[in-house]
Amino acid sequence: MELPRGIGQPATRALNGEGITSLEQAATHTEAQLLALHGVGPKAIRVLREAFAEHNLDFD
């Protein structure tokens, strides 16, 4: 499943730069690991959490 567009371009670029291109890949990281990436902030985490809930996923 693709990353949700609502996370914003800076967060998408930061995640892609780390090789994270899908929700499943994002779910293999902790919230703290993702927040440590420049461009990933509270809004991106909230949007990811909502997308995870829709697809029965969660942070590692």
C-alpha atoms as a PDB file:
ATOM      1  CA  MET A   1       0.000   0.000   0.000  1.00  0.00           C
ATOM      2  CA  GLU A   2       1.280   3.426  -0.917  1.00  0.00           C
ATOM      3  CA  LEU A   3       2.138   6.060   1.637  1.00  0.00           C
ATOM      4  CA  PRO A   4      -0.795   8.426   2.186  1.00  0.00           C
ATOM      5  CA  ARG A   5      -0.526  11.713   0.311  1.00  0.00           C
ATOM      6  CA  GLY A   6      -1.685  13.603   3.398  1.00  0.00           C
ATOM      7  CA  ILE A   7       1.686  13.181   5.103  1.00  0.00           C
ATOM      8  CA  GLY A   8       3.077  15.961   2.901  1.00  0.00           C
ATOM      9  CA  GLN A   9       5.946  16.178   0.447  1.00  0.00           C
ATOM     10  CA  PRO A  10       8.776  16.755   2.967  1.00  0.00           C
ATOM     11  CA  ALA A  11       7.769  13.638   4.912  1.00  0.00           C
ATOM     12  CA  THR A  12       7.339  11.625   1.725  1.00  0.00           C
ATOM     13  CA  ARG A  13      10.816  12.649   0.541  1.00  0.00           C
ATOM     14  CA  ALA A  14      12.332  11.830   3.942  1.00  0.00           C
ATOM     15  CA  LEU A  15      10.709   8.401   4.027  1.00  0.00           C
ATOM     16  CA  ASN A  16      11.613   7.642   0.409  1.00  0.00           C
ATOM     17  CA  GLY A  17      15.187   8.688   1.136  1.00  0.00           C
ATOM     18  CA  GLU A  18      15.308   5.945   3.754  1.00  0.00           C
ATOM     19  CA  GLY A  19      13.833   3.408   1.339  1.00  0.00           C
ATOM     20  CA  ILE A  20      10.383   3.547   2.938  1.00  0.00           C
ATOM     21  CA  THR A  21       7.890   3.622   0.087  1.00  0.00           C
ATOM     22  CA  SER A  22       4.883   1.770   1.511  1.00  0.00           C
ATOM     23  CA  LEU A  23       2.741   1.617   4.632  1.00  0.00           C
ATOM     24  CA  GLU A  24       4.043  -1.876   5.342  1.00  0.00           C
ATOM     25  CA  GLN A  25       7.626  -0.617   5.311  1.00  0.00           C
ATOM     26  CA  ALA A  26       6.739   2.355   7.520  1.00  0.00           C
ATOM     27  CA  ALA A  27       5.143  -0.032  10.014  1.00  0.00           C
ATOM     28  CA  THR A  28       8.491  -1.789  10.530  1.00  0.00           C
ATOM     29  CA  HIS A  29       9.835   1.356  12.211  1.00  0.00           C
ATOM     30  CA  THR A  30       9.031   2.938  15.541  1.00  0.00           C
ATOM     31  CA  GLU A  31       7.304   6.271  15.786  1.00  0.00           C
ATOM     32  CA  ALA A  32      10.495   7.733  17.277  1.00  0.00           C
ATOM     33  CA  GLN A  33      12.602   6.463  14.359  1.00  0.00           C
ATOM     34  CA  LEU A  34      10.311   8.140  11.853  1.00  0.00           C
ATOM     35  CA  LEU A  35      10.087  11.375  13.832  1.00  0.00           C
ATOM     36  CA  ALA A  36      13.902  11.522  13.830  1.00  0.00           C
ATOM     37  CA  LEU A  37      13.846  11.919  10.040  1.00  0.00           C
ATOM     38  CA  HIS A  38      14.088  15.529   8.884  1.00  0.00           C
ATOM     39  CA  GLY A  39      10.728  16.334   7.305  1.00  0.00           C
ATOM     40  CA  VAL A  40       8.637  13.902   9.331  1.00  0.00           C
ATOM     41  CA  GLY A  41       6.646  15.698  12.011  1.00  0.00           C
ATOM     42  CA  PRO A  42       3.600  15.189  14.209  1.00  0.00           C
ATOM     43  CA  LYS A  43       1.167  15.685  11.306  1.00  0.00           C
ATOM     44  CA  ALA A  44       2.834  12.953   9.238  1.00  0.00           C
ATOM     45  CA  ILE A  45       2.782  10.585  12.219  1.00  0.00           C
ATOM     46  CA  ARG A  46      -0.921  11.304  12.792  1.00  0.00           C
ATOM     47  CA  VAL A  47      -1.745  10.633   9.137  1.00  0.00           C
ATOM     48  CA  LEU A  48       0.334   7.438   9.175  1.00  0.00           C
ATOM     49  CA  ARG A  49      -1.394   6.289  12.364  1.00  0.00           C
ATOM     50  CA  GLU A  50      -4.806   6.817  10.724  1.00  0.00           C
ATOM     51  CA  ALA A  51      -3.720   4.912   7.599  1.00  0.00           C
ATOM     52  CA  PHE A  52      -2.289   2.120   9.758  1.00  0.00           C
ATOM     53  CA  ALA A  53      -5.618   1.805  11.581  1.00  0.00           C
ATOM     54  CA  GLU A  54      -7.458   1.426   8.260  1.00  0.00           C
ATOM     55  CA  HIS A  55      -5.116  -1.389   7.206  1.00  0.00           C
ATOM     56  CA  ASN A  56      -4.648  -3.155  10.555  1.00  0.00           C
ATOM     57  CA  LEU A  57      -1.021  -2.022  10.909  1.00  0.00           C
ATOM     58  CA  ASP A  58       0.875  -0.254  13.703  1.00  0.00           C
ATOM     59  CA  PHE A  59       4.312   1.155  14.444  1.00  0.00           C
ATOM     60  CA  ASP A  60       6.912  -1.472  15.354  1.00  0.00           C
END
